[in-house]
PDB file of N, CA and C in Angstrom:
ATOM      1  N   MET A   1      82.222 118.903  98.558  1.00  0.00           N
ATOM      2  CA  MET A   1      83.597 118.562  98.890  1.00  0.00           C
ATOM      3  C   MET A   1      83.600 117.328  99.788  1.00  0.00           C
ATOM      4  N   SER A   2      84.412 116.373  99.413  1.00  0.00           N
ATOM      5  CA  SER A   2      84.548 115.150 100.189  1.00  0.00           C
ATOM      6  C   SER A   2      85.297 115.433 101.492  1.00  0.00           C
ATOM      7  N   TYR A   3      84.983 114.670 102.522  1.00  0.00           N
ATOM      8  CA  TYR A   3      85.661 114.833 103.803  1.00  0.00           C
ATOM      9  C   TYR A   3      87.152 114.515 103.682  1.00  0.00           C
ATOM     10  N   TYR A   4      87.466 113.479 102.872  1.00  0.00           N
ATOM     11  CA  TYR A   4      88.859 113.103 102.624  1.00  0.00           C
ATOM     12  C   TYR A   4      89.192 113.341 101.157  1.00  0.00           C
ATOM     13  N   GLU A   5      90.422 113.723 100.895  1.00  0.00           N
ATOM     14  CA  GLU A   5      90.874 113.866  99.514  1.00  0.00           C
ATOM     15  C   GLU A   5      90.966 112.500  98.847  1.00  0.00           C
ATOM     16  N   ARG A   6      91.507 111.531  99.594  1.00  0.00           N
ATOM     17  CA  ARG A   6      91.614 110.160  99.097  1.00  0.00           C
ATOM     18  C   ARG A   6      91.282 109.191 100.227  1.00  0.00           C
ATOM     19  N   HIS A   7      90.628 108.107  99.843  1.00  0.00           N
ATOM     20  CA  HIS A   7      90.246 107.067 100.781  1.00  0.00           C
ATOM     21  C   HIS A   7      90.830 105.762 100.256  1.00  0.00           C
ATOM     22  N   VAL A   8      91.647 105.090 101.070  1.00  0.00           N
ATOM     23  CA  VAL A   8      92.326 103.863 100.658  1.00  0.00           C
ATOM     24  C   VAL A   8      91.745 102.690 101.439  1.00  0.00           C
ATOM     25  N   PHE A   9      91.218 101.723 100.721  1.00  0.00           N
ATOM     26  CA  PHE A   9      90.637 100.537 101.339  1.00  0.00           C
ATOM     27  C   PHE A   9      91.544  99.340 101.097  1.00  0.00           C
ATOM     28  N   PHE A  10      91.960  98.693 102.183  1.00  0.00           N
ATOM     29  CA  PHE A  10      92.756  97.472 102.140  1.00  0.00           C
ATOM     30  C   PHE A  10      91.830  96.288 102.359  1.00  0.00           C
ATOM     31  N   CYS A  11      91.779  95.373 101.392  1.00  0.00           N
ATOM     32  CA  CYS A  11      91.067  94.127 101.625  1.00  0.00           C
ATOM     33  C   CYS A  11      91.869  93.346 102.657  1.00  0.00           C
ATOM     34  N   THR A  12      91.225  93.004 103.768  1.00  0.00           N
ATOM     35  CA  THR A  12      91.874  92.208 104.820  1.00  0.00           C
ATOM     36  C   THR A  12      91.108  90.902 105.050  1.00  0.00           C
ATOM     37  N   ASN A  13      90.304  90.538 104.072  1.00  0.00           N
ATOM     38  CA  ASN A  13      89.443  89.366 104.174  1.00  0.00           C
ATOM     39  C   ASN A  13      90.237  88.066 104.286  1.00  0.00           C
ATOM     40  N   ARG A  14      89.713  87.162 105.114  1.00  0.00           N
ATOM     41  CA  ARG A  14      90.232  85.797 105.223  1.00  0.00           C
ATOM     42  C   ARG A  14      89.096  84.836 104.873  1.00  0.00           C
ATOM     43  N   ARG A  15      89.325  84.028 103.851  1.00  0.00           N
ATOM     44  CA  ARG A  15      88.328  83.032 103.448  1.00  0.00           C
ATOM     45  C   ARG A  15      88.631  81.711 104.151  1.00  0.00           C
ATOM     46  N   ASP A  16      87.583  81.008 104.516  1.00  0.00           N
ATOM     47  CA  ASP A  16      87.729  79.729 105.212  1.00  0.00           C
ATOM     48  C   ASP A  16      87.599  78.525 104.292  1.00  0.00           C
ATOM     49  N   ASP A  17      87.356  78.775 103.000  1.00  0.00           N
ATOM     50  CA  ASP A  17      87.069  77.663 102.090  1.00  0.00           C
ATOM     51  C   ASP A  17      88.262  77.245 101.232  1.00  0.00           C
ATOM     52  N   GLY A  18      89.451  77.759 101.534  1.00  0.00           N
ATOM     53  CA  GLY A  18      90.638  77.365 100.796  1.00  0.00           C
ATOM     54  C   GLY A  18      90.976  78.249  99.610  1.00  0.00           C
ATOM     55  N   ARG A  19      90.059  79.117  99.189  1.00  0.00           N
ATOM     56  CA  ARG A  19      90.357  80.033  98.090  1.00  0.00           C
ATOM     57  C   ARG A  19      91.324  81.118  98.564  1.00  0.00           C
ATOM     58  N   ALA A  20      92.052  81.688  97.628  1.00  0.00           N
ATOM     59  CA  ALA A  20      92.996  82.760  97.944  1.00  0.00           C
ATOM     60  C   ALA A  20      92.282  83.904  98.640  1.00  0.00           C
ATOM     61  N   SER A  21      92.953  84.512  99.605  1.00  0.00           N
ATOM     62  CA  SER A  21      92.386  85.692 100.264  1.00  0.00           C
ATOM     63  C   SER A  21      93.510  86.646 100.626  1.00  0.00           C
ATOM     64  N   CYS A  22      93.181  87.912 100.627  1.00  0.00           N
ATOM     65  CA  CYS A  22      94.174  88.940 100.940  1.00  0.00           C
ATOM     66  C   CYS A  22      94.707  88.783 102.354  1.00  0.00           C
ATOM     67  N   GLY A  23      93.863  88.334 103.255  1.00  0.00           N
ATOM     68  CA  GLY A  23      94.285  88.135 104.640  1.00  0.00           C
ATOM     69  C   GLY A  23      95.414  87.130 104.775  1.00  0.00           C
ATOM     70  N   ASP A  24      95.522  86.203 103.822  1.00  0.00           N
ATOM     71  CA  ASP A  24      96.612  85.222 103.837  1.00  0.00           C
ATOM     72  C   ASP A  24      97.957  85.851 103.477  1.00  0.00           C
ATOM     73  N   CYS A  25      97.910  87.084 102.966  1.00  0.00           N
ATOM     74  CA  CYS A  25      99.125  87.776 102.512  1.00  0.00           C
ATOM     75  C   CYS A  25      99.508  88.907 103.463  1.00  0.00           C
ATOM     76  N   HIS A  26      99.140  88.743 104.722  1.00  0.00           N
ATOM     77  CA  HIS A  26      99.482  89.732 105.754  1.00  0.00           C
ATOM     78  C   HIS A  26      98.876  91.103 105.476  1.00  0.00           C
ATOM     79  N   ALA A  27      97.680  91.116 104.913  1.00  0.00           N
ATOM     80  CA  ALA A  27      97.046  92.376 104.533  1.00  0.00           C
ATOM     81  C   ALA A  27      96.807  93.303 105.726  1.00  0.00           C
ATOM     82  N   GLN A  28      96.419  92.752 106.871  1.00  0.00           N
ATOM     83  CA  GLN A  28      96.179  93.613 108.032  1.00  0.00           C
ATOM     84  C   GLN A  28      97.464  94.295 108.496  1.00  0.00           C
ATOM     85  N   GLU A  29      98.555  93.547 108.513  1.00  0.00           N
ATOM     86  CA  GLU A  29      99.836  94.134 108.899  1.00  0.00           C
ATOM     87  C   GLU A  29     100.282  95.194 107.902  1.00  0.00           C
ATOM     88  N   MET A  30     100.040  94.942 106.620  1.00  0.00           N
ATOM     89  CA  MET A  30     100.417  95.906 105.589  1.00  0.00           C
ATOM     90  C   MET A  30      99.553  97.160 105.682  1.00  0.00           C
ATOM     91  N   ARG A  31      98.291  96.993 106.005  1.00  0.00           N
ATOM     92  CA  ARG A  31      97.411  98.140 106.215  1.00  0.00           C
ATOM     93  C   ARG A  31      97.906  98.966 107.397  1.00  0.00           C
ATOM     94  N   ASP A  32      98.269  98.291 108.476  1.00  0.00           N
ATOM     95  CA  ASP A  32      98.791  98.983 109.652  1.00  0.00           C
ATOM     96  C   ASP A  32     100.059  99.765 109.307  1.00  0.00           C
ATOM     97  N   TYR A  33     100.923  99.154 108.493  1.00  0.00           N
ATOM     98  CA  TYR A  33     102.147  99.826 108.061  1.00  0.00           C
ATOM     99  C   TYR A  33     101.807 101.093 107.264  1.00  0.00           C
ATOM    100  N   ALA A  34     100.884 100.971 106.299  1.00  0.00           N
ATOM    101  CA  ALA A  34     100.525 102.120 105.465  1.00  0.00           C
ATOM    102  C   ALA A  34      99.912 103.238 106.305  1.00  0.00           C
ATOM    103  N   LYS A  35      99.079 102.869 107.258  1.00  0.00           N
ATOM    104  CA  LYS A  35      98.454 103.873 108.119  1.00  0.00           C
ATOM    105  C   LYS A  35      99.510 104.615 108.946  1.00  0.00           C
ATOM    106  N   LYS A  36     100.435 103.858 109.503  1.00  0.00           N
ATOM    107  CA  LYS A  36     101.505 104.461 110.305  1.00  0.00           C
ATOM    108  C   LYS A  36     102.378 105.371 109.438  1.00  0.00           C
ATOM    109  N   ARG A  37     102.714 104.911 108.241  1.00  0.00           N
ATOM    110  CA  ARG A  37     103.564 105.721 107.365  1.00  0.00           C
ATOM    111  C   ARG A  37     102.849 106.996 106.928  1.00  0.00           C
ATOM    112  N   CYS A  38     101.577 106.890 106.592  1.00  0.00           N
ATOM    113  CA  CYS A  38     100.819 108.084 106.197  1.00  0.00           C
ATOM    114  C   CYS A  38     100.733 109.079 107.353  1.00  0.00           C
ATOM    115  N   LYS A  39     100.558 108.582 108.566  1.00  0.00           N
ATOM    116  CA  LYS A  39     100.546 109.474 109.737  1.00  0.00           C
ATOM    117  C   LYS A  39     101.896 110.162 109.903  1.00  0.00           C
ATOM    118  N   SER A  40     102.974 109.404 109.726  1.00  0.00           N
ATOM    119  CA  SER A  40     104.308 109.990 109.902  1.00  0.00           C
ATOM    120  C   SER A  40     104.595 111.057 108.849  1.00  0.00           C
ATOM    121  N   LEU A  41     103.972 110.927 107.675  1.00  0.00           N
ATOM    122  CA  LEU A  41     104.136 111.909 106.609  1.00  0.00           C
ATOM    123  C   LEU A  41     103.111 113.046 106.716  1.00  0.00           C
ATOM    124  N   GLU A  42     102.283 112.988 107.758  1.00  0.00           N
ATOM    125  CA  GLU A  42     101.223 113.980 108.001  1.00  0.00           C
ATOM    126  C   GLU A  42     100.247 114.069 106.826  1.00  0.00           C
ATOM    127  N   LEU A  43      99.906 112.886 106.291  1.00  0.00           N
ATOM    128  CA  LEU A  43      98.951 112.804 105.185  1.00  0.00           C
ATOM    129  C   LEU A  43      97.526 112.537 105.651  1.00  0.00           C
ATOM    130  N   THR A  44      97.339 112.252 106.939  1.00  0.00           N
ATOM    131  CA  THR A  44      96.027 111.819 107.429  1.00  0.00           C
ATOM    132  C   THR A  44      95.256 112.969 108.058  1.00  0.00           C
ATOM    133  N   GLY A  45      93.937 112.790 108.103  1.00  0.00           N
ATOM    134  CA  GLY A  45      93.063 113.769 108.730  1.00  0.00           C
ATOM    135  C   GLY A  45      92.114 114.396 107.724  1.00  0.00           C
ATOM    136  N   LYS A  46      91.257 115.247 108.208  1.00  0.00           N
ATOM    137  CA  LYS A  46      90.247 115.908 107.377  1.00  0.00           C
ATOM    138  C   LYS A  46      90.902 116.591 106.170  1.00  0.00           C
ATOM    139  N   GLY A  47      90.338 116.320 105.007  1.00  0.00           N
ATOM    140  CA  GLY A  47      90.842 116.908 103.781  1.00  0.00           C
ATOM    141  C   GLY A  47      92.080 116.239 103.230  1.00  0.00           C
ATOM    142  N   LYS A  48      92.494 115.147 103.870  1.00  0.00           N
ATOM    143  CA  LYS A  48      93.715 114.461 103.441  1.00  0.00           C
ATOM    144  C   LYS A  48      93.398 113.008 103.089  1.00  0.00           C
ATOM    145  N   VAL A  49      94.147 112.065 103.645  1.00  0.00           N
ATOM    146  CA  VAL A  49      94.036 110.644 103.306  1.00  0.00           C
ATOM    147  C   VAL A  49      93.489 109.855 104.482  1.00  0.00           C
ATOM    148  N   ARG A  50      92.652 108.885 104.185  1.00  0.00           N
ATOM    149  CA  ARG A  50      92.137 107.945 105.187  1.00  0.00           C
ATOM    150  C   ARG A  50      92.488 106.541 104.738  1.00  0.00           C
ATOM    151  N   ILE A  51      93.118 105.767 105.631  1.00  0.00           N
ATOM    152  CA  ILE A  51      93.455 104.360 105.380  1.00  0.00           C
ATOM    153  C   ILE A  51      92.462 103.512 106.169  1.00  0.00           C
ATOM    154  N   ASN A  52      91.767 102.587 105.467  1.00  0.00           N
ATOM    155  CA  ASN A  52      90.762 101.749 106.104  1.00  0.00           C
ATOM    156  C   ASN A  52      90.935 100.282 105.755  1.00  0.00           C
ATOM    157  N   SER A  53      90.486  99.428 106.652  1.00  0.00           N
ATOM    158  CA  SER A  53      90.331  98.008 106.351  1.00  0.00           C
ATOM    159  C   SER A  53      88.981  97.826 105.678  1.00  0.00           C
ATOM    160  N   ALA A  54      88.914  96.851 104.808  1.00  0.00           N
ATOM    161  CA  ALA A  54      87.649  96.514 104.160  1.00  0.00           C
ATOM    162  C   ALA A  54      87.454  95.013 104.265  1.00  0.00           C
ATOM    163  N   GLY A  55      86.218  94.619 104.208  1.00  0.00           N
ATOM    164  CA  GLY A  55      85.919  93.202 104.076  1.00  0.00           C
ATOM    165  C   GLY A  55      86.308  92.775 102.672  1.00  0.00           C
ATOM    166  N   CYS A  56      85.759  91.711 102.211  1.00  0.00           N
ATOM    167  CA  CYS A  56      86.113  91.198 100.892  1.00  0.00           C
ATOM    168  C   CYS A  56      85.760  92.205  99.808  1.00  0.00           C
ATOM    169  N   LEU A  57      86.743  92.529  98.986  1.00  0.00           N
ATOM    170  CA  LEU A  57      86.532  93.387  97.821  1.00  0.00           C
ATOM    171  C   LEU A  57      86.350  92.544  96.563  1.00  0.00           C
ATOM    172  N   ASP A  58      86.329  91.223  96.725  1.00  0.00           N
ATOM    173  CA  ASP A  58      86.057  90.238  95.676  1.00  0.00           C
ATOM    174  C   ASP A  58      87.098  90.225  94.560  1.00  0.00           C
ATOM    175  N   ARG A  59      88.332  90.576  94.910  1.00  0.00           N
ATOM    176  CA  ARG A  59      89.435  90.476  93.947  1.00  0.00           C
ATOM    177  C   ARG A  59      90.628  89.795  94.600  1.00  0.00           C
ATOM    178  N   CYS A  60      90.373  88.952  95.591  1.00  0.00           N
ATOM    179  CA  CYS A  60      91.450  88.309  96.349  1.00  0.00           C
ATOM    180  C   CYS A  60      92.361  87.480  95.453  1.00  0.00           C
ATOM    181  N   GLY A  61      91.846  86.961  94.349  1.00  0.00           N
ATOM    182  CA  GLY A  61      92.658  86.185  93.428  1.00  0.00           C
ATOM    183  C   GLY A  61      93.770  87.002  92.798  1.00  0.00           C
ATOM    184  N   GLU A  62      93.631  88.317  92.832  1.00  0.00           N
ATOM    185  CA  GLU A  62      94.650  89.220  92.299  1.00  0.00           C
ATOM    186  C   GLU A  62      95.435  89.877  93.424  1.00  0.00           C
ATOM    187  N   GLY A  63      95.216  89.414  94.638  1.00  0.00           N
ATOM    188  CA  GLY A  63      95.664  90.103  95.825  1.00  0.00           C
ATOM    189  C   GLY A  63      97.045  89.793  96.290  1.00  0.00           C
ATOM    190  N   PRO A  64      97.369  90.482  97.340  1.00  0.00           N
ATOM    191  CA  PRO A  64      96.506  91.353  98.115  1.00  0.00           C
ATOM    192  C   PRO A  64      96.195  92.640  97.348  1.00  0.00           C
ATOM    193  N   VAL A  65      95.020  93.205  97.630  1.00  0.00           N
ATOM    194  CA  VAL A  65      94.576  94.368  96.873  1.00  0.00           C
ATOM    195  C   VAL A  65      94.184  95.530  97.774  1.00  0.00           C
ATOM    196  N   ILE A  66      94.323  96.722  97.187  1.00  0.00           N
ATOM    197  CA  ILE A  66      93.780  97.943  97.767  1.00  0.00           C
ATOM    198  C   ILE A  66      93.094  98.697  96.633  1.00  0.00           C
ATOM    199  N   VAL A  67      92.184  99.587  97.025  1.00  0.00           N
ATOM    200  CA  VAL A  67      91.557 100.478  96.052  1.00  0.00           C
ATOM    201  C   VAL A  67      91.612 101.892  96.625  1.00  0.00           C
ATOM    202  N   VAL A  68      91.957 102.848  95.758  1.00  0.00           N
ATOM    203  CA  VAL A  68      92.083 104.244  96.151  1.00  0.00           C
ATOM    204  C   VAL A  68      90.951 105.033  95.509  1.00  0.00           C
ATOM    205  N   TYR A  69      90.152 105.676  96.351  1.00  0.00           N
ATOM    206  CA  TYR A  69      89.069 106.537  95.882  1.00  0.00           C
ATOM    207  C   TYR A  69      89.421 107.985  96.170  1.00  0.00           C
ATOM    208  N   PRO A  70      88.968 108.944  95.371  1.00  0.00           N
ATOM    209  CA  PRO A  70      87.850 108.844  94.446  1.00  0.00           C
ATOM    210  C   PRO A  70      88.219 108.334  93.056  1.00  0.00           C
ATOM    211  N   GLU A  71      89.502 108.091  92.789  1.00  0.00           N
ATOM    212  CA  GLU A  71      89.895 107.682  91.445  1.00  0.00           C
ATOM    213  C   GLU A  71      89.478 106.260  91.086  1.00  0.00           C
ATOM    214  N   ALA A  72      89.170 105.439  92.087  1.00  0.00           N
ATOM    215  CA  ALA A  72      88.816 104.024  91.890  1.00  0.00           C
ATOM    216  C   ALA A  72      89.955 103.274  91.191  1.00  0.00           C
ATOM    217  N   ILE A  73      91.182 103.508  91.667  1.00  0.00           N
ATOM    218  CA  ILE A  73      92.359 102.819  91.142  1.00  0.00           C
ATOM    219  C   ILE A  73      92.647 101.621  92.043  1.00  0.00           C
ATOM    220  N   TRP A  74      92.718 100.450  91.424  1.00  0.00           N
ATOM    221  CA  TRP A  74      92.990  99.203  92.137  1.00  0.00           C
ATOM    222  C   TRP A  74      94.465  98.851  91.995  1.00  0.00           C
ATOM    223  N   TYR A  75      95.062  98.444  93.117  1.00  0.00           N
ATOM    224  CA  TYR A  75      96.456  98.022  93.130  1.00  0.00           C
ATOM    225  C   TYR A  75      96.583  96.660  93.796  1.00  0.00           C
ATOM    226  N   SER A  76      97.598  95.921  93.343  1.00  0.00           N
ATOM    227  CA  SER A  76      98.075  94.755  94.058  1.00  0.00           C
ATOM    228  C   SER A  76      99.489  95.095  94.516  1.00  0.00           C
ATOM    229  N   TYR A  77      99.881  94.568  95.648  1.00  0.00           N
ATOM    230  CA  TYR A  77     101.200  94.875  96.206  1.00  0.00           C
ATOM    231  C   TYR A  77     101.788  93.606  96.800  1.00  0.00           C
ATOM    232  N   ILE A  78     103.095  93.630  96.986  1.00  0.00           N
ATOM    233  CA  ILE A  78     103.789  92.481  97.568  1.00  0.00           C
ATOM    234  C   ILE A  78     104.334  92.804  98.947  1.00  0.00           C
ATOM    235  N   ASP A  79     104.899  93.993  99.083  1.00  0.00           N
ATOM    236  CA  ASP A  79     105.628  94.298 100.307  1.00  0.00           C
ATOM    237  C   ASP A  79     105.550  95.784 100.647  1.00  0.00           C
ATOM    238  N   GLU A  80     106.259  96.168 101.699  1.00  0.00           N
ATOM    239  CA  GLU A  80     106.251  97.560 102.146  1.00  0.00           C
ATOM    240  C   GLU A  80     106.806  98.504 101.084  1.00  0.00           C
ATOM    241  N   GLU A  81     107.764  98.044 100.294  1.00  0.00           N
ATOM    242  CA  GLU A  81     108.321  98.892  99.240  1.00  0.00           C
ATOM    243  C   GLU A  81     107.258  99.256  98.211  1.00  0.00           C
ATOM    244  N   ASP A  82     106.397  98.289  97.864  1.00  0.00           N
ATOM    245  CA  ASP A  82     105.290  98.588  96.940  1.00  0.00           C
ATOM    246  C   ASP A  82     104.340  99.610  97.555  1.00  0.00           C
ATOM    247  N   LEU A  83     104.026  99.429  98.835  1.00  0.00           N
ATOM    248  CA  LEU A  83     103.139 100.388  99.498  1.00  0.00           C
ATOM    249  C   LEU A  83     103.784 101.762  99.583  1.00  0.00           C
ATOM    250  N   ASP A  84     105.082 101.807  99.844  1.00  0.00           N
ATOM    251  CA  ASP A  84     105.785 103.094  99.864  1.00  0.00           C
ATOM    252  C   ASP A  84     105.659 103.794  98.517  1.00  0.00           C
ATOM    253  N   GLU A  85     105.779 103.036  97.440  1.00  0.00           N
ATOM    254  CA  GLU A  85     105.663 103.624  96.106  1.00  0.00           C
ATOM    255  C   GLU A  85     104.252 104.163  95.863  1.00  0.00           C
ATOM    256  N   ILE A  86     103.242 103.421  96.281  1.00  0.00           N
ATOM    257  CA  ILE A  86     101.860 103.891  96.138  1.00  0.00           C
ATOM    258  C   ILE A  86     101.641 105.153  96.972  1.00  0.00           C
ATOM    259  N   ILE A  87     102.136 105.144  98.194  1.00  0.00           N
ATOM    260  CA  ILE A  87     101.987 106.322  99.064  1.00  0.00           C
ATOM    261  C   ILE A  87     102.704 107.522  98.457  1.00  0.00           C
ATOM    262  N   ASP A  88     103.968 107.335  98.090  1.00  0.00           N
ATOM    263  CA  ASP A  88     104.772 108.444  97.581  1.00  0.00           C
ATOM    264  C   ASP A  88     104.251 108.977  96.248  1.00  0.00           C
ATOM    265  N   GLU A  89     103.904 108.089  95.361  1.00  0.00           N
ATOM    266  CA  GLU A  89     103.478 108.520  94.024  1.00  0.00           C
ATOM    267  C   GLU A  89     102.007 108.919  93.971  1.00  0.00           C
ATOM    268  N   HIS A  90     101.127 108.020  94.396  1.00  0.00           N
ATOM    269  CA  HIS A  90      99.695 108.287  94.246  1.00  0.00           C
ATOM    270  C   HIS A  90      99.155 109.219  95.326  1.00  0.00           C
ATOM    271  N   LEU A  91      99.416 108.889  96.580  1.00  0.00           N
ATOM    272  CA  LEU A  91      98.816 109.682  97.657  1.00  0.00           C
ATOM    273  C   LEU A  91      99.475 111.046  97.822  1.00  0.00           C
ATOM    274  N   VAL A  92     100.764 111.133  97.610  1.00  0.00           N
ATOM    275  CA  VAL A  92     101.447 112.420  97.755  1.00  0.00           C
ATOM    276  C   VAL A  92     101.384 113.241  96.469  1.00  0.00           C
ATOM    277  N   HIS A  93     101.699 112.603  95.324  1.00  0.00           N
ATOM    278  CA  HIS A  93     101.842 113.351  94.079  1.00  0.00           C
ATOM    279  C   HIS A  93     100.695 113.175  93.089  1.00  0.00           C
ATOM    280  N   GLY A  94      99.747 112.278  93.383  1.00  0.00           N
ATOM    281  CA  GLY A  94      98.600 112.100  92.497  1.00  0.00           C
ATOM    282  C   GLY A  94      98.900 111.353  91.210  1.00  0.00           C
ATOM    283  N   ARG A  95     100.009 110.615  91.187  1.00  0.00           N
ATOM    284  CA  ARG A  95     100.392 109.862  89.993  1.00  0.00           C
ATOM    285  C   ARG A  95     100.112 108.376  90.202  1.00  0.00           C
ATOM    286  N   VAL A  96      99.374 107.788  89.289  1.00  0.00           N
ATOM    287  CA  VAL A  96      99.043 106.367  89.362  1.00  0.00           C
ATOM    288  C   VAL A  96     100.311 105.543  89.158  1.00  0.00           C
ATOM    289  N   VAL A  97     100.470 104.495  89.962  1.00  0.00           N
ATOM    290  CA  VAL A  97     101.614 103.583  89.845  1.00  0.00           C
ATOM    291  C   VAL A  97     101.193 102.463  88.901  1.00  0.00           C
ATOM    292  N   GLU A  98     101.506 102.646  87.639  1.00  0.00           N
ATOM    293  CA  GLU A  98     101.026 101.725  86.586  1.00  0.00           C
ATOM    294  C   GLU A  98     101.483 100.298  86.816  1.00  0.00           C
ATOM    295  N   ARG A  99     102.687 100.092  87.303  1.00  0.00           N
ATOM    296  CA  ARG A  99     103.220  98.731  87.442  1.00  0.00           C
ATOM    297  C   ARG A  99     102.481  97.917  88.494  1.00  0.00           C
ATOM    298  N   LEU A 100     101.784  98.563  89.415  1.00  0.00           N
ATOM    299  CA  LEU A 100     101.056  97.861  90.467  1.00  0.00           C
ATOM    300  C   LEU A 100      99.547  97.879  90.249  1.00  0.00           C
ATOM    301  N   LYS A 101      99.100  98.566  89.237  1.00  0.00           N
ATOM    302  CA  LYS A 101      97.669  98.696  88.947  1.00  0.00           C
ATOM    303  C   LYS A 101      97.104  97.375  88.424  1.00  0.00           C
ATOM    304  N   ILE A 102      95.903  97.053  88.875  1.00  0.00           N
ATOM    305  CA  ILE A 102      95.205  95.864  88.354  1.00  0.00           C
ATOM    306  C   ILE A 102      93.896  96.282  87.717  1.00  0.00           C
TER     307      ILE A 102
END
């Protein structure tokens, strides 16, 4: 049994060479928002959901990106509304949000 039911990794990488990076799209702030919202919904803790920052996930060109494990579902998002949909549908109900999947 895994310690967490789901583990969500937010790419928060910032590249210095001019290439697109998730960090340029306020990824850290969006990660903070998702973590706060999951806590408010009591989704966090042992046996539940963990929200983490990650270094480069090497998909910044499609970003900003997150990946949800154990399903290994990759999402791109634009704003808090997209994250709310991922939280409500995938993390709460286990349904993949096809429109945001990459």
